[in-house]
Amino acid sequence: MIMQKVYDTAEATGLFDKGDIKVRINPFKYYNVGNTQGDFIHIFANIMEGRNTTQKSVLSKNLVSALKGLFPEVPIISINIRDFEKATYCNKSMV
């Protein structure tokens, strides 16, 4: 449910080519959020460089809004977006 919502929301922005969106969940066993063990969702979005600040802001807001709708009881839902360089990116099909 959560993975598909993140995928669908990112895809709906039109910022990504087909097949470029990958969603993974990595639950934290140990964490401290504001000195509590309260629930939270944080998205670490690593995207290929080339989107402007406005586009990344729309992506952030859309993803947080979508998850807020799914999980209204979770007090912290957040995201940060990091660009990675096309020049230094490599995957199996590129070598």
Protein backbone atom coordinates (compact mmCIF):
# COMPACT_ATOMS: atom_id res chain seq x y z
CA MET A 1 0.00 0.00 0.00
CA ILE A 2 2.59 2.61 1.05
CA MET A 3 5.08 1.61 -1.65
CA GLN A 4 2.46 1.79 -4.38
CA LYS A 5 1.19 5.16 -3.11
CA VAL A 6 4.72 6.61 -3.21
CA TYR A 7 5.30 5.15 -6.67
CA ASP A 8 2.00 6.38 -8.09
CA THR A 9 2.41 9.85 -6.60
CA ALA A 10 5.94 10.23 -7.96
CA GLU A 11 4.85 8.95 -11.37
CA ALA A 12 1.92 11.39 -11.49
CA THR A 13 4.33 14.35 -11.32
CA GLY A 14 5.58 13.56 -14.82
CA LEU A 15 9.18 14.13 -13.68
CA PHE A 16 10.34 10.57 -14.33
CA ASP A 17 10.59 8.29 -17.34
CA LYS A 18 8.88 4.92 -17.27
CA GLY A 19 10.91 2.47 -15.20
CA ASP A 20 12.98 5.15 -13.48
CA ILE A 21 11.06 5.15 -10.19
CA LYS A 22 12.23 2.68 -7.59
CA VAL A 23 10.63 2.48 -4.14
CA ARG A 24 12.13 0.62 -1.20
CA ILE A 25 11.14 0.45 2.45
CA ASN A 26 13.82 0.28 5.09
CA PRO A 27 12.25 0.24 8.58
CA PHE A 28 14.48 1.44 11.38
CA LYS A 29 14.86 -0.88 14.35
CA TYR A 30 16.67 1.73 16.43
CA TYR A 31 15.79 5.41 16.28
CA ASN A 32 15.23 8.51 18.35
CA VAL A 33 12.87 11.16 17.03
CA GLY A 34 12.70 14.22 19.25
CA ASN A 35 13.81 12.06 22.16
CA THR A 36 10.81 9.75 21.69
CA GLN A 37 10.04 6.46 20.03
CA GLY A 38 7.06 8.01 18.25
CA ASP A 39 5.95 6.90 14.81
CA PHE A 40 7.37 8.66 11.77
CA ILE A 41 7.74 8.27 8.03
CA HIS A 42 10.68 9.85 6.26
CA ILE A 43 11.36 9.56 2.55
CA PHE A 44 14.95 9.75 1.37
CA ALA A 45 14.49 10.60 -2.30
CA ASN A 46 17.60 10.20 -4.42
CA ILE A 47 16.93 11.45 -7.92
CA MET A 48 19.03 12.06 -11.00
CA GLU A 49 20.10 15.68 -11.36
CA GLY A 50 18.17 17.85 -13.79
CA ARG A 51 14.99 18.84 -11.97
CA ASN A 52 14.65 22.41 -10.76
CA THR A 53 13.78 23.51 -7.24
CA THR A 54 10.12 24.07 -8.10
CA GLN A 55 9.77 20.57 -9.54
CA LYS A 56 11.42 19.01 -6.49
CA SER A 57 9.22 21.08 -4.17
CA VAL A 58 6.09 19.82 -5.96
CA LEU A 59 7.37 16.25 -5.66
CA SER A 60 8.02 16.71 -1.93
CA LYS A 61 4.65 18.26 -1.20
CA ASN A 62 2.75 15.70 -3.27
CA LEU A 63 4.45 12.77 -1.55
CA VAL A 64 3.94 14.13 1.97
CA SER A 65 0.30 14.97 1.18
CA ALA A 66 -0.35 11.48 -0.19
CA LEU A 67 1.13 9.81 2.88
CA LYS A 68 -0.64 12.21 5.23
CA GLY A 69 -3.90 11.01 3.68
CA LEU A 70 -2.96 7.36 4.21
CA PHE A 71 -1.55 7.81 7.69
CA PRO A 72 -3.29 10.76 9.40
CA GLU A 73 -2.30 9.41 12.83
CA VAL A 74 1.46 9.50 12.13
CA PRO A 75 2.77 12.72 13.67
CA ILE A 76 5.89 13.12 11.51
CA ILE A 77 5.87 12.65 7.75
CA SER A 78 8.79 14.23 5.94
CA ILE A 79 11.05 14.02 2.90
CA ASN A 80 14.39 15.24 1.67
CA ILE A 81 15.48 15.11 -1.94
CA ARG A 82 19.08 14.61 -2.96
CA ASP A 83 20.33 14.92 -6.52
CA PHE A 84 22.98 12.56 -7.79
CA GLU A 85 25.22 13.29 -10.75
CA LYS A 86 24.56 11.67 -14.07
CA ALA A 87 28.32 11.73 -14.81
CA THR A 88 29.13 9.52 -11.82
CA TYR A 89 26.10 7.23 -11.87
CA CYS A 90 26.64 3.69 -13.07
CA ASN A 91 24.56 0.53 -13.14
CA LYS A 92 25.02 -2.99 -14.44
CA SER A 93 23.72 -2.25 -17.94
CA MET A 94 26.21 0.60 -18.37
CA VAL A 95 29.37 -1.51 -18.03
